[in-house]
Amino acid sequence: MRSIKYIILLLLISKIYNSFAQLNATEIDQQSYQYYLDEKWKPLIKYGKSVTKQGYDEYYFNLRLGIAFFNKYNYFKAADYFKRALKNDASSEVAKEYLYWCNLYIGDEKVAANYYSMLPDSIQNRILYKPKKLLESIFVDGGLKISDKPKEAKNLGYVNLGLNHKFSSTFSIYHAYTYQQQTQIWGNFKQHQYYIAPSFSFKHRWKLVLGFHYAHYSSNLSLTNDVVFQNSKPTSPPPFGTSFFDSTTYRHQNINGKFSSNSLYSQITVSKSIKRFDVNVHFGLFSEFNKPNYTLVSHDSINIKKCVLSIA
């Protein structure tokens, strides 16, 4: 009889506990749903954090909290709650779509493509995600760099055109052409630059970029310059009975011809993204080949002033 009493008591305690848990779950669902309807994302996040610490784990609750973080642009935290929602309901198309957008925005396109492949055709047709784009983006830049010393160097004009080609969710190529020219006191120059960078993405947000930068520089030299050199000049009167002189050299210089240079800079970049932080390691190699083809002609003339002092 005593054991039966204990069993009945345990059943009553279990029933009371389940009723309390059910009432608590109902309260959490109503409160989080109201915040969600009112789009009060900050109060929902604050309320959700306190509830999560108590071990509460339910599909709609996790989904609402993930949407709140998503609307506050915290895609990392949003992805955590959408993953929890997906564990609650493995068939959730809403959680999968949000996980696609979260990973796309944080730069992990490989994972985003995996979630995209899990979505039904109706959602894929609405998103229209295309991992292959022959021409994904175009970058155009150009203008003038204004010189503050127009007598020595005039304004520099430049134009830049960049294209990005995407062959898959993990492989793309960016390349760009830059042209610039300027007239300076010694002549003028033109420069052509070409840059190409294949990019490879791997799991866990690892990335490898190979960069190659080629530059061709050519200039026409035409400089006439007069330089005055003061070779010697007494700083104090010399002793009586000696002679001294000061000499001044006038140098007339002419530089004419051409100068060209070809340079190549190669770089390997390995990067790892951890939450909002990017860690990058670079290794580069630079080489340059110059081709001078100019002449320097100097004409000197010396002016000497001699003075002889004698004892009176």
C-alpha atoms as a PDB file:
ATOM      1  CA  MET A   1       0.000   0.000   0.000  1.00  0.00           C
ATOM      2  CA  ARG A   2       2.855   2.403   0.838  1.00  0.00           C
ATOM      3  CA  SER A   3       4.496   1.856  -2.591  1.00  0.00           C
ATOM      4  CA  ILE A   4       1.182   2.576  -4.310  1.00  0.00           C
ATOM      5  CA  LYS A   5       0.939   5.869  -2.429  1.00  0.00           C
ATOM      6  CA  TYR A   6       4.420   6.843  -3.613  1.00  0.00           C
ATOM      7  CA  ILE A   7       3.530   6.049  -7.228  1.00  0.00           C
ATOM      8  CA  ILE A   8       0.358   8.133  -7.018  1.00  0.00           C
ATOM      9  CA  LEU A   9       2.335  11.032  -5.478  1.00  0.00           C
ATOM     10  CA  LEU A  10       4.956  10.885  -8.245  1.00  0.00           C
ATOM     11  CA  LEU A  11       2.232  10.868 -10.891  1.00  0.00           C
ATOM     12  CA  LEU A  12       0.622  13.948  -9.323  1.00  0.00           C
ATOM     13  CA  ILE A  13       3.988  15.774  -9.182  1.00  0.00           C
ATOM     14  CA  SER A  14       4.724  14.853 -12.805  1.00  0.00           C
ATOM     15  CA  LYS A  15       1.301  16.065 -13.909  1.00  0.00           C
ATOM     16  CA  ILE A  16       1.730  19.381 -12.068  1.00  0.00           C
ATOM     17  CA  TYR A  17       5.224  19.851 -13.580  1.00  0.00           C
ATOM     18  CA  ASN A  18       4.012  19.096 -17.116  1.00  0.00           C
ATOM     19  CA  SER A  19       1.115  21.520 -16.693  1.00  0.00           C
ATOM     20  CA  PHE A  20       3.503  24.229 -15.481  1.00  0.00           C
ATOM     21  CA  ALA A  21       5.934  23.554 -18.375  1.00  0.00           C
ATOM     22  CA  GLN A  22       3.062  23.678 -20.832  1.00  0.00           C
ATOM     23  CA  LEU A  23       1.850  26.997 -19.433  1.00  0.00           C
ATOM     24  CA  ASN A  24       5.426  28.355 -19.556  1.00  0.00           C
ATOM     25  CA  ALA A  25       5.862  27.242 -23.196  1.00  0.00           C
ATOM     26  CA  THR A  26       2.550  28.857 -24.102  1.00  0.00           C
ATOM     27  CA  GLU A  27       3.653  32.109 -22.475  1.00  0.00           C
ATOM     28  CA  ILE A  28       6.984  32.049 -24.337  1.00  0.00           C
ATOM     29  CA  ASP A  29       5.262  31.348 -27.640  1.00  0.00           C
ATOM     30  CA  GLN A  30       2.730  34.165 -27.163  1.00  0.00           C
ATOM     31  CA  GLN A  31       5.315  36.711 -26.029  1.00  0.00           C
ATOM     32  CA  SER A  32       7.830  35.944 -28.794  1.00  0.00           C
ATOM     33  CA  TYR A  33       5.069  35.860 -31.409  1.00  0.00           C
ATOM     34  CA  GLN A  34       3.791  39.286 -30.335  1.00  0.00           C
ATOM     35  CA  TYR A  35       7.277  40.782 -30.574  1.00  0.00           C
ATOM     36  CA  TYR A  36       7.572  39.181 -34.010  1.00  0.00           C
ATOM     37  CA  LEU A  37       4.244  40.606 -35.238  1.00  0.00           C
ATOM     38  CA  ASP A  38       5.158  44.075 -33.979  1.00  0.00           C
ATOM     39  CA  GLU A  39       8.648  43.779 -35.564  1.00  0.00           C
ATOM     40  CA  LYS A  40      10.221  44.709 -32.242  1.00  0.00           C
ATOM     41  CA  TRP A  41      13.498  43.005 -32.993  1.00  0.00           C
ATOM     42  CA  LYS A  42      15.558  44.346 -30.087  1.00  0.00           C
ATOM     43  CA  PRO A  43      13.030  43.354 -27.362  1.00  0.00           C
ATOM     44  CA  LEU A  44      12.607  39.973 -29.077  1.00  0.00           C
ATOM     45  CA  ILE A  45      16.373  39.385 -29.066  1.00  0.00           C
ATOM     46  CA  LYS A  46      16.674  40.407 -25.417  1.00  0.00           C
ATOM     47  CA  TYR A  47      13.719  38.229 -24.403  1.00  0.00           C
ATOM     48  CA  GLY A  48      14.956  35.348 -26.547  1.00  0.00           C
ATOM     49  CA  LYS A  49      18.422  35.351 -25.005  1.00  0.00           C
ATOM     50  CA  SER A  50      17.000  35.056 -21.495  1.00  0.00           C
ATOM     51  CA  VAL A  51      14.710  32.226 -22.538  1.00  0.00           C
ATOM     52  CA  THR A  52      17.490  30.390 -24.398  1.00  0.00           C
ATOM     53  CA  LYS A  53      19.655  30.421 -21.254  1.00  0.00           C
ATOM     54  CA  GLN A  54      16.906  28.410 -19.535  1.00  0.00           C
ATOM     55  CA  GLY A  55      17.336  25.672 -22.144  1.00  0.00           C
ATOM     56  CA  TYR A  56      14.179  26.416 -24.127  1.00  0.00           C
ATOM     57  CA  ASP A  57      14.394  24.955 -27.644  1.00  0.00           C
ATOM     58  CA  GLU A  58      11.370  25.080 -29.960  1.00  0.00           C
ATOM     59  CA  TYR A  59      11.044  25.455 -33.736  1.00  0.00           C
ATOM     60  CA  TYR A  60       8.963  28.644 -34.034  1.00  0.00           C
ATOM     61  CA  PHE A  61      10.809  30.321 -31.189  1.00  0.00           C
ATOM     62  CA  ASN A  62      14.200  29.647 -32.832  1.00  0.00           C
ATOM     63  CA  LEU A  63      12.862  30.762 -36.191  1.00  0.00           C
ATOM     64  CA  ARG A  64      11.532  34.076 -34.830  1.00  0.00           C
ATOM     65  CA  LEU A  65      14.738  34.793 -32.959  1.00  0.00           C
ATOM     66  CA  GLY A  66      16.776  34.030 -36.083  1.00  0.00           C
ATOM     67  CA  ILE A  67      14.625  36.443 -38.110  1.00  0.00           C
ATOM     68  CA  ALA A  68      15.140  39.117 -35.433  1.00  0.00           C
ATOM     69  CA  PHE A  69      18.932  38.787 -35.655  1.00  0.00           C
ATOM     70  CA  PHE A  70      18.694  38.719 -39.466  1.00  0.00           C
ATOM     71  CA  ASN A  71      16.802  42.027 -39.518  1.00  0.00           C
ATOM     72  CA  LYS A  72      19.459  43.533 -37.238  1.00  0.00           C
ATOM     73  CA  TYR A  73      22.143  42.415 -39.768  1.00  0.00           C
ATOM     74  CA  ASN A  74      23.739  39.959 -37.347  1.00  0.00           C
ATOM     75  CA  TYR A  75      23.891  37.129 -39.866  1.00  0.00           C
ATOM     76  CA  PHE A  76      26.244  34.947 -37.818  1.00  0.00           C
ATOM     77  CA  LYS A  77      23.920  34.807 -34.816  1.00  0.00           C
ATOM     78  CA  ALA A  78      20.883  34.490 -37.077  1.00  0.00           C
ATOM     79  CA  ALA A  79      22.427  31.440 -38.751  1.00  0.00           C
ATOM     80  CA  ASP A  80      22.902  29.783 -35.341  1.00  0.00           C
ATOM     81  CA  TYR A  81      19.176  30.007 -34.559  1.00  0.00           C
ATOM     82  CA  PHE A  82      18.116  28.946 -38.060  1.00  0.00           C
ATOM     83  CA  LYS A  83      20.295  25.839 -37.654  1.00  0.00           C
ATOM     84  CA  ARG A  84      18.562  25.127 -34.355  1.00  0.00           C
ATOM     85  CA  ALA A  85      15.194  25.547 -36.055  1.00  0.00           C
ATOM     86  CA  LEU A  86      16.306  23.140 -38.776  1.00  0.00           C
ATOM     87  CA  LYS A  87      17.186  20.571 -36.108  1.00  0.00           C
ATOM     88  CA  ASN A  88      13.648  20.990 -34.700  1.00  0.00           C
ATOM     89  CA  ASP A  89      12.162  20.530 -38.174  1.00  0.00           C
ATOM     90  CA  ALA A  90      14.508  19.133 -40.840  1.00  0.00           C
ATOM     91  CA  SER A  91      11.993  19.881 -43.615  1.00  0.00           C
ATOM     92  CA  SER A  92      11.701  23.614 -42.852  1.00  0.00           C
ATOM     93  CA  GLU A  93      12.011  25.510 -46.146  1.00  0.00           C
ATOM     94  CA  VAL A  94      11.949  28.852 -44.306  1.00  0.00           C
ATOM     95  CA  ALA A  95      15.022  27.980 -42.218  1.00  0.00           C
ATOM     96  CA  LYS A  96      16.881  26.674 -45.291  1.00  0.00           C
ATOM     97  CA  GLU A  97      16.167  29.838 -47.290  1.00  0.00           C
ATOM     98  CA  TYR A  98      17.278  32.091 -44.459  1.00  0.00           C
ATOM     99  CA  LEU A  99      20.445  29.999 -44.053  1.00  0.00           C
ATOM    100  CA  TYR A 100      21.109  30.511 -47.763  1.00  0.00           C
ATOM    101  CA  TRP A 101      20.879  34.304 -47.379  1.00  0.00           C
ATOM    102  CA  CYS A 102      22.914  34.362 -44.142  1.00  0.00           C
ATOM    103  CA  ASN A 103      25.827  32.457 -45.656  1.00  0.00           C
ATOM    104  CA  LEU A 104      25.662  34.475 -48.858  1.00  0.00           C
ATOM    105  CA  TYR A 105      25.906  37.757 -46.907  1.00  0.00           C
ATOM    106  CA  ILE A 106      28.792  36.594 -44.704  1.00  0.00           C
ATOM    107  CA  GLY A 107      30.744  35.523 -47.789  1.00  0.00           C
ATOM    108  CA  ASP A 108      30.515  31.731 -47.473  1.00  0.00           C
ATOM    109  CA  GLU A 109      28.983  31.142 -50.881  1.00  0.00           C
ATOM    110  CA  LYS A 110      29.896  27.470 -50.968  1.00  0.00           C
ATOM    111  CA  VAL A 111      27.643  26.756 -47.955  1.00  0.00           C
ATOM    112  CA  ALA A 112      24.989  29.091 -49.365  1.00  0.00           C
ATOM    113  CA  ALA A 113      24.940  27.077 -52.591  1.00  0.00           C
ATOM    114  CA  ASN A 114      24.397  23.875 -50.573  1.00  0.00           C
ATOM    115  CA  TYR A 115      21.342  25.311 -48.820  1.00  0.00           C
ATOM    116  CA  TYR A 116      20.062  26.653 -52.143  1.00  0.00           C
ATOM    117  CA  SER A 117      20.183  23.154 -53.616  1.00  0.00           C
ATOM    118  CA  MET A 118      17.915  21.924 -50.770  1.00  0.00           C
ATOM    119  CA  LEU A 119      15.134  24.376 -51.671  1.00  0.00           C
ATOM    120  CA  PRO A 120      12.196  23.437 -53.910  1.00  0.00           C
ATOM    121  CA  ASP A 121      12.038  24.712 -57.496  1.00  0.00           C
ATOM    122  CA  SER A 122       9.407  27.333 -56.642  1.00  0.00           C
ATOM    123  CA  ILE A 123      11.733  29.079 -54.152  1.00  0.00           C
ATOM    124  CA  GLN A 124      14.811  28.638 -56.378  1.00  0.00           C
ATOM    125  CA  ASN A 125      12.969  30.284 -59.270  1.00  0.00           C
ATOM    126  CA  ARG A 126      12.070  33.217 -57.006  1.00  0.00           C
ATOM    127  CA  ILE A 127      15.643  33.679 -55.762  1.00  0.00           C
ATOM    128  CA  LEU A 128      17.274  33.027 -59.164  1.00  0.00           C
ATOM    129  CA  TYR A 129      20.681  32.308 -57.700  1.00  0.00           C
ATOM    130  CA  LYS A 130      23.233  31.725 -60.467  1.00  0.00           C
ATOM    131  CA  PRO A 131      26.620  30.413 -59.331  1.00  0.00           C
ATOM    132  CA  LYS A 132      27.911  30.807 -62.909  1.00  0.00           C
ATOM    133  CA  LYS A 133      28.000  34.306 -64.396  1.00  0.00           C
ATOM    134  CA  LEU A 134      30.163  35.065 -67.394  1.00  0.00           C
ATOM    135  CA  LEU A 135      30.129  38.730 -66.370  1.00  0.00           C
ATOM    136  CA  GLU A 136      29.176  39.200 -62.739  1.00  0.00           C
ATOM    137  CA  SER A 137      30.233  42.834 -62.284  1.00  0.00           C
ATOM    138  CA  ILE A 138      31.891  45.787 -64.038  1.00  0.00           C
ATOM    139  CA  PHE A 139      33.994  48.448 -62.333  1.00  0.00           C
ATOM    140  CA  VAL A 140      34.805  51.721 -64.126  1.00  0.00           C
ATOM    141  CA  ASP A 141      36.817  54.571 -62.653  1.00  0.00           C
ATOM    142  CA  GLY A 142      38.560  57.578 -64.168  1.00  0.00           C
ATOM    143  CA  GLY A 143      39.345  61.244 -63.769  1.00  0.00           C
ATOM    144  CA  LEU A 144      42.073  63.770 -63.045  1.00  0.00           C
ATOM    145  CA  LYS A 145      44.464  64.119 -60.158  1.00  0.00           C
ATOM    146  CA  ILE A 146      44.918  67.876 -59.746  1.00  0.00           C
ATOM    147  CA  SER A 147      48.512  69.025 -59.359  1.00  0.00           C
ATOM    148  CA  ASP A 148      49.371  71.710 -56.825  1.00  0.00           C
ATOM    149  CA  LYS A 149      52.551  72.600 -58.779  1.00  0.00           C
ATOM    150  CA  PRO A 150      51.512  72.872 -62.450  1.00  0.00           C
ATOM    151  CA  LYS A 151      54.898  74.273 -63.516  1.00  0.00           C
ATOM    152  CA  GLU A 152      56.695  71.122 -62.391  1.00  0.00           C
ATOM    153  CA  ALA A 153      53.927  68.591 -63.061  1.00  0.00           C
ATOM    154  CA  LYS A 154      50.566  69.021 -64.750  1.00  0.00           C
ATOM    155  CA  ASN A 155      47.380  67.157 -63.924  1.00  0.00           C
ATOM    156  CA  LEU A 156      47.475  63.366 -64.109  1.00  0.00           C
ATOM    157  CA  GLY A 157      44.705  61.687 -66.110  1.00  0.00           C
ATOM    158  CA  TYR A 158      43.720  58.070 -65.554  1.00  0.00           C
ATOM    159  CA  VAL A 159      41.036  55.505 -66.412  1.00  0.00           C
ATOM    160  CA  ASN A 160      40.401  52.062 -64.909  1.00  0.00           C
ATOM    161  CA  LEU A 161      38.176  49.224 -66.145  1.00  0.00           C
ATOM    162  CA  GLY A 162      37.631  46.054 -64.097  1.00  0.00           C
ATOM    163  CA  LEU A 163      35.616  42.905 -64.865  1.00  0.00           C
ATOM    164  CA  ASN A 164      34.678  39.984 -62.608  1.00  0.00           C
ATOM    165  CA  HIS A 165      33.847  36.552 -64.028  1.00  0.00           C
ATOM    166  CA  LYS A 166      32.230  33.894 -61.878  1.00  0.00           C
ATOM    167  CA  PHE A 167      32.579  30.270 -62.957  1.00  0.00           C
ATOM    168  CA  SER A 168      31.165  28.581 -59.846  1.00  0.00           C
ATOM    169  CA  SER A 169      30.340  29.290 -56.216  1.00  0.00           C
ATOM    170  CA  THR A 170      33.999  28.604 -55.346  1.00  0.00           C
ATOM    171  CA  PHE A 171      35.955  29.973 -58.310  1.00  0.00           C
ATOM    172  CA  SER A 172      36.033  33.449 -59.892  1.00  0.00           C
ATOM    173  CA  ILE A 173      38.461  35.684 -61.787  1.00  0.00           C
ATOM    174  CA  TYR A 174      38.814  39.455 -61.514  1.00  0.00           C
ATOM    175  CA  HIS A 175      40.978  41.420 -63.931  1.00  0.00           C
ATOM    176  CA  ALA A 176      41.446  45.127 -64.625  1.00  0.00           C
ATOM    177  CA  TYR A 177      43.234  47.514 -66.990  1.00  0.00           C
ATOM    178  CA  THR A 178      44.518  50.942 -65.942  1.00  0.00           C
ATOM    179  CA  TYR A 179      45.947  53.729 -68.096  1.00  0.00           C
ATOM    180  CA  GLN A 180      47.459  56.983 -66.872  1.00  0.00           C
ATOM    181  CA  GLN A 181      49.533  59.815 -68.318  1.00  0.00           C
ATOM    182  CA  GLN A 182      51.099  63.068 -67.151  1.00  0.00           C
ATOM    183  CA  THR A 183      53.292  65.872 -68.448  1.00  0.00           C
ATOM    184  CA  GLN A 184      56.098  66.987 -66.162  1.00  0.00           C
ATOM    185  CA  ILE A 185      59.014  69.405 -66.275  1.00  0.00           C
ATOM    186  CA  TRP A 186      61.369  66.742 -67.640  1.00  0.00           C
ATOM    187  CA  GLY A 187      58.973  65.419 -70.319  1.00  0.00           C
ATOM    188  CA  ASN A 188      55.909  63.174 -70.215  1.00  0.00           C
ATOM    189  CA  PHE A 189      55.057  59.590 -69.371  1.00  0.00           C
ATOM    190  CA  LYS A 190      52.397  56.967 -70.053  1.00  0.00           C
ATOM    191  CA  GLN A 191      51.694  53.854 -68.043  1.00  0.00           C
ATOM    192  CA  HIS A 192      49.657  50.744 -68.854  1.00  0.00           C
ATOM    193  CA  GLN A 193      48.760  48.332 -66.053  1.00  0.00           C
ATOM    194  CA  TYR A 194      47.017  44.959 -66.118  1.00  0.00           C
ATOM    195  CA  TYR A 195      45.907  43.008 -63.059  1.00  0.00           C
ATOM    196  CA  ILE A 196      44.408  39.506 -62.889  1.00  0.00           C
ATOM    197  CA  ALA A 197      43.412  37.585 -59.747  1.00  0.00           C
ATOM    198  CA  PRO A 198      41.896  34.076 -59.725  1.00  0.00           C
ATOM    199  CA  SER A 199      40.067  33.384 -56.453  1.00  0.00           C
ATOM    200  CA  PHE A 200      39.319  29.990 -54.868  1.00  0.00           C
ATOM    201  CA  SER A 201      36.964  29.408 -51.905  1.00  0.00           C
ATOM    202  CA  PHE A 202      37.099  26.376 -49.620  1.00  0.00           C
ATOM    203  CA  LYS A 203      35.257  24.981 -46.629  1.00  0.00           C
ATOM    204  CA  HIS A 204      35.116  26.813 -43.309  1.00  0.00           C
ATOM    205  CA  ARG A 205      35.582  30.188 -45.070  1.00  0.00           C
ATOM    206  CA  TRP A 206      39.122  29.601 -46.277  1.00  0.00           C
ATOM    207  CA  LYS A 207      40.097  31.535 -49.408  1.00  0.00           C
ATOM    208  CA  LEU A 208      43.076  31.558 -51.787  1.00  0.00           C
ATOM    209  CA  VAL A 209      43.775  34.464 -54.165  1.00  0.00           C
ATOM    210  CA  LEU A 210      46.568  34.531 -56.769  1.00  0.00           C
ATOM    211  CA  GLY A 211      47.350  38.067 -57.956  1.00  0.00           C
ATOM    212  CA  PHE A 212      49.486  39.106 -60.958  1.00  0.00           C
ATOM    213  CA  HIS A 213      50.108  42.807 -61.635  1.00  0.00           C
ATOM    214  CA  TYR A 214      51.980  43.860 -64.802  1.00  0.00           C
ATOM    215  CA  ALA A 215      52.936  47.489 -65.503  1.00  0.00           C
ATOM    216  CA  HIS A 216      54.578  49.056 -68.564  1.00  0.00           C
ATOM    217  CA  TYR A 217      56.001  52.543 -68.101  1.00  0.00           C
ATOM    218  CA  SER A 218      57.338  54.672 -70.954  1.00  0.00           C
ATOM    219  CA  SER A 219      58.489  58.291 -70.977  1.00  0.00           C
ATOM    220  CA  ASN A 220      59.894  60.865 -73.381  1.00  0.00           C
ATOM    221  CA  LEU A 221      62.666  62.916 -71.785  1.00  0.00           C
ATOM    222  CA  SER A 222      63.252  66.506 -72.809  1.00  0.00           C
ATOM    223  CA  LEU A 223      64.885  68.609 -70.124  1.00  0.00           C
ATOM    224  CA  THR A 224      67.035  71.703 -70.304  1.00  0.00           C
ATOM    225  CA  ASN A 225      68.419  72.788 -66.994  1.00  0.00           C
ATOM    226  CA  ASP A 226      70.922  75.397 -65.786  1.00  0.00           C
ATOM    227  CA  VAL A 227      72.640  74.655 -62.505  1.00  0.00           C
ATOM    228  CA  VAL A 228      75.005  76.928 -60.574  1.00  0.00           C
ATOM    229  CA  PHE A 229      77.673  75.341 -58.363  1.00  0.00           C
ATOM    230  CA  GLN A 230      79.641  77.494 -55.896  1.00  0.00           C
ATOM    231  CA  ASN A 231      82.860  75.518 -55.497  1.00  0.00           C
ATOM    232  CA  SER A 232      84.704  77.666 -52.939  1.00  0.00           C
ATOM    233  CA  LYS A 233      84.041  80.811 -51.035  1.00  0.00           C
ATOM    234  CA  PRO A 234      86.142  82.187 -48.148  1.00  0.00           C
ATOM    235  CA  THR A 235      84.284  82.482 -44.906  1.00  0.00           C
ATOM    236  CA  SER A 236      86.905  84.634 -43.172  1.00  0.00           C
ATOM    237  CA  PRO A 237      89.574  87.144 -44.371  1.00  0.00           C
ATOM    238  CA  PRO A 238      92.793  85.381 -45.421  1.00  0.00           C
ATOM    239  CA  PRO A 239      96.190  86.230 -43.865  1.00  0.00           C
ATOM    240  CA  PHE A 240      98.071  89.270 -45.255  1.00  0.00           C
ATOM    241  CA  GLY A 241     100.454  88.579 -48.082  1.00  0.00           C
ATOM    242  CA  THR A 242      98.461  85.679 -49.588  1.00  0.00           C
ATOM    243  CA  SER A 243      96.117  85.420 -52.542  1.00  0.00           C
ATOM    244  CA  PHE A 244      92.711  83.775 -52.760  1.00  0.00           C
ATOM    245  CA  PHE A 245      89.930  83.271 -55.263  1.00  0.00           C
ATOM    246  CA  ASP A 246      86.365  82.041 -55.433  1.00  0.00           C
ATOM    247  CA  SER A 247      85.120  80.023 -58.404  1.00  0.00           C
ATOM    248  CA  THR A 248      81.592  79.498 -59.701  1.00  0.00           C
ATOM    249  CA  THR A 249      80.639  76.759 -62.166  1.00  0.00           C
ATOM    250  CA  TYR A 250      77.686  77.282 -64.492  1.00  0.00           C
ATOM    251  CA  ARG A 251      76.408  73.947 -65.804  1.00  0.00           C
ATOM    252  CA  HIS A 252      74.037  73.763 -68.766  1.00  0.00           C
ATOM    253  CA  GLN A 253      72.377  70.296 -68.973  1.00  0.00           C
ATOM    254  CA  ASN A 254      70.363  68.657 -71.746  1.00  0.00           C
ATOM    255  CA  ILE A 255      68.585  65.334 -71.299  1.00  0.00           C
ATOM    256  CA  ASN A 256      66.911  63.854 -74.369  1.00  0.00           C
ATOM    257  CA  GLY A 257      65.649  60.411 -75.254  1.00  0.00           C
ATOM    258  CA  LYS A 258      63.344  57.757 -73.851  1.00  0.00           C
ATOM    259  CA  PHE A 259      63.053  55.624 -70.759  1.00  0.00           C
ATOM    260  CA  SER A 260      60.874  52.510 -70.397  1.00  0.00           C
ATOM    261  CA  SER A 261      60.301  50.037 -67.621  1.00  0.00           C
ATOM    262  CA  ASN A 262      58.426  46.737 -67.264  1.00  0.00           C
ATOM    263  CA  SER A 263      57.525  45.396 -63.841  1.00  0.00           C
ATOM    264  CA  LEU A 264      55.669  42.365 -62.533  1.00  0.00           C
ATOM    265  CA  TYR A 265      54.310  41.841 -59.036  1.00  0.00           C
ATOM    266  CA  SER A 266      53.031  38.384 -58.074  1.00  0.00           C
ATOM    267  CA  GLN A 267      51.183  37.777 -54.821  1.00  0.00           C
ATOM    268  CA  ILE A 268      49.617  34.844 -52.999  1.00  0.00           C
ATOM    269  CA  THR A 269      46.983  35.611 -50.361  1.00  0.00           C
ATOM    270  CA  VAL A 270      45.539  33.056 -47.950  1.00  0.00           C
ATOM    271  CA  SER A 271      42.630  34.287 -45.836  1.00  0.00           C
ATOM    272  CA  LYS A 272      40.450  32.830 -43.109  1.00  0.00           C
ATOM    273  CA  SER A 273      37.227  34.454 -41.916  1.00  0.00           C
ATOM    274  CA  ILE A 274      36.288  33.982 -38.278  1.00  0.00           C
ATOM    275  CA  LYS A 275      32.928  35.557 -37.519  1.00  0.00           C
ATOM    276  CA  ARG A 276      33.415  39.240 -38.399  1.00  0.00           C
ATOM    277  CA  PHE A 277      37.223  39.072 -38.507  1.00  0.00           C
ATOM    278  CA  ASP A 278      39.382  38.298 -41.540  1.00  0.00           C
ATOM    279  CA  VAL A 279      42.927  36.992 -41.147  1.00  0.00           C
ATOM    280  CA  ASN A 280      45.097  37.456 -44.259  1.00  0.00           C
ATOM    281  CA  VAL A 281      48.602  36.207 -45.005  1.00  0.00           C
ATOM    282  CA  HIS A 282      50.399  37.635 -48.065  1.00  0.00           C
ATOM    283  CA  PHE A 283      53.505  36.545 -49.922  1.00  0.00           C
ATOM    284  CA  GLY A 284      54.719  38.663 -52.848  1.00  0.00           C
ATOM    285  CA  LEU A 285      57.539  38.776 -55.395  1.00  0.00           C
ATOM    286  CA  PHE A 286      58.477  41.902 -57.383  1.00  0.00           C
ATOM    287  CA  SER A 287      60.698  42.130 -60.463  1.00  0.00           C
ATOM    288  CA  GLU A 288      61.539  45.126 -62.681  1.00  0.00           C
ATOM    289  CA  PHE A 289      63.339  45.533 -66.018  1.00  0.00           C
ATOM    290  CA  ASN A 290      64.485  49.016 -67.061  1.00  0.00           C
ATOM    291  CA  LYS A 291      65.453  50.147 -70.558  1.00  0.00           C
ATOM    292  CA  PRO A 292      67.144  53.556 -70.509  1.00  0.00           C
ATOM    293  CA  ASN A 293      67.741  55.109 -73.938  1.00  0.00           C
ATOM    294  CA  TYR A 294      68.633  58.737 -73.401  1.00  0.00           C
ATOM    295  CA  THR A 295      71.651  61.018 -73.447  1.00  0.00           C
ATOM    296  CA  LEU A 296      72.826  63.510 -70.878  1.00  0.00           C
ATOM    297  CA  VAL A 297      74.924  66.392 -72.216  1.00  0.00           C
ATOM    298  CA  SER A 298      76.472  68.918 -69.823  1.00  0.00           C
ATOM    299  CA  HIS A 299      78.286  72.137 -70.715  1.00  0.00           C
ATOM    300  CA  ASP A 300      80.310  73.748 -67.918  1.00  0.00           C
ATOM    301  CA  SER A 301      81.806  77.210 -67.725  1.00  0.00           C
ATOM    302  CA  ILE A 302      83.888  78.431 -64.798  1.00  0.00           C
ATOM    303  CA  ASN A 303      84.085  81.984 -63.600  1.00  0.00           C
ATOM    304  CA  ILE A 304      87.121  82.679 -61.357  1.00  0.00           C
ATOM    305  CA  LYS A 305      87.655  85.862 -59.345  1.00  0.00           C
ATOM    306  CA  LYS A 306      91.181  86.309 -58.018  1.00  0.00           C
ATOM    307  CA  CYS A 307      92.287  88.714 -55.318  1.00  0.00           C
ATOM    308  CA  VAL A 308      95.866  89.417 -54.170  1.00  0.00           C
ATOM    309  CA  LEU A 309      96.539  91.042 -50.850  1.00  0.00           C
ATOM    310  CA  SER A 310      99.870  92.558 -49.859  1.00  0.00           C
ATOM    311  CA  ILE A 311     101.276  94.062 -46.673  1.00  0.00           C
ATOM    312  CA  ALA A 312     101.154  97.840 -46.706  1.00  0.00           C
END
